[in-house]
């Protein structure tokens, strides 16, 4: 899977693969990881932010 697809797949699941939506805390963890990897230095993503974005 391409790196740029990580966040959309985490938010909506993998369409057509029969996967359900992951819990907000796991989505927040993936977003936090992506935001703080590869030399980035951003704030933590909280489950409440994921809920608001959906």
C-alpha atoms as a PDB file:
ATOM      1  CA  UNK A   1       0.000   0.000   0.000  1.00  0.00           C
ATOM      2  CA  UNK A   2       1.288   3.446  -0.860  1.00  0.00           C
ATOM      3  CA  UNK A   3       2.157   5.724   2.032  1.00  0.00           C
ATOM      4  CA  UNK A   4      -0.224   8.485   0.916  1.00  0.00           C
ATOM      5  CA  UNK A   5      -3.184   6.096   1.303  1.00  0.00           C
ATOM      6  CA  UNK A   6      -2.589   5.302   4.978  1.00  0.00           C
ATOM      7  CA  UNK A   7      -4.746   8.081   6.431  1.00  0.00           C
ATOM      8  CA  UNK A   8      -7.762   7.679   4.087  1.00  0.00           C
ATOM      9  CA  UNK A   9      -7.745   3.907   4.588  1.00  0.00           C
ATOM     10  CA  UNK A  10      -7.521   4.347   8.331  1.00  0.00           C
ATOM     11  CA  UNK A  11     -10.463   6.759   8.308  1.00  0.00           C
ATOM     12  CA  UNK A  12     -12.880   4.835   6.096  1.00  0.00           C
ATOM     13  CA  UNK A  13     -11.531   1.265   6.003  1.00  0.00           C
ATOM     14  CA  UNK A  14     -10.607  -0.625   2.874  1.00  0.00           C
ATOM     15  CA  UNK A  15     -13.589  -0.409   0.546  1.00  0.00           C
ATOM     16  CA  UNK A  16     -14.530  -3.695  -1.023  1.00  0.00           C
ATOM     17  CA  UNK A  17     -12.468  -5.769   1.375  1.00  0.00           C
ATOM     18  CA  UNK A  18     -15.238  -6.350   3.890  1.00  0.00           C
ATOM     19  CA  UNK A  19     -13.433  -4.508   6.661  1.00  0.00           C
ATOM     20  CA  UNK A  20     -15.393  -2.476   9.137  1.00  0.00           C
ATOM     21  CA  UNK A  21     -14.472   0.948  10.425  1.00  0.00           C
ATOM     22  CA  UNK A  22     -11.636   0.765  12.954  1.00  0.00           C
ATOM     23  CA  UNK A  23     -12.118   2.294  16.426  1.00  0.00           C
ATOM     24  CA  UNK A  24     -11.337   5.997  16.818  1.00  0.00           C
ATOM     25  CA  UNK A  25      -8.465   5.370  19.233  1.00  0.00           C
ATOM     26  CA  UNK A  26      -6.655   3.226  16.654  1.00  0.00           C
ATOM     27  CA  UNK A  27      -7.222   5.800  13.929  1.00  0.00           C
ATOM     28  CA  UNK A  28      -5.849   8.505  16.222  1.00  0.00           C
ATOM     29  CA  UNK A  29      -2.783   6.344  16.921  1.00  0.00           C
ATOM     30  CA  UNK A  30      -2.108   5.863  13.186  1.00  0.00           C
ATOM     31  CA  UNK A  31      -2.500   9.577  12.510  1.00  0.00           C
ATOM     32  CA  UNK A  32      -0.238  10.458  15.441  1.00  0.00           C
ATOM     33  CA  UNK A  33       2.395   8.020  14.165  1.00  0.00           C
ATOM     34  CA  UNK A  34       2.262   9.493  10.657  1.00  0.00           C
ATOM     35  CA  UNK A  35       2.381  13.050  11.969  1.00  0.00           C
ATOM     36  CA  UNK A  36       5.478  12.342  14.070  1.00  0.00           C
ATOM     37  CA  UNK A  37       7.446  10.100  11.717  1.00  0.00           C
ATOM     38  CA  UNK A  38       9.986  10.908   9.032  1.00  0.00           C
ATOM     39  CA  UNK A  39      11.323  13.958  10.852  1.00  0.00           C
ATOM     40  CA  UNK A  40       7.922  15.585  11.459  1.00  0.00           C
ATOM     41  CA  UNK A  41       7.085  17.151  14.805  1.00  0.00           C
ATOM     42  CA  UNK A  42       3.331  17.650  15.183  1.00  0.00           C
ATOM     43  CA  UNK A  43       0.886  17.369  18.056  1.00  0.00           C
ATOM     44  CA  UNK A  44      -0.885  14.191  19.115  1.00  0.00           C
ATOM     45  CA  UNK A  45      -4.194  13.326  17.417  1.00  0.00           C
ATOM     46  CA  UNK A  46      -6.984  12.510  19.875  1.00  0.00           C
ATOM     47  CA  UNK A  47     -10.008  10.256  19.253  1.00  0.00           C
ATOM     48  CA  UNK A  48     -12.277  13.302  19.678  1.00  0.00           C
ATOM     49  CA  UNK A  49     -10.571  14.934  16.678  1.00  0.00           C
ATOM     50  CA  UNK A  50     -11.196  11.816  14.591  1.00  0.00           C
ATOM     51  CA  UNK A  51     -14.873  11.876  15.588  1.00  0.00           C
ATOM     52  CA  UNK A  52     -15.150  15.543  14.586  1.00  0.00           C
ATOM     53  CA  UNK A  53     -13.444  14.893  11.224  1.00  0.00           C
ATOM     54  CA  UNK A  54     -15.836  12.115  10.296  1.00  0.00           C
END
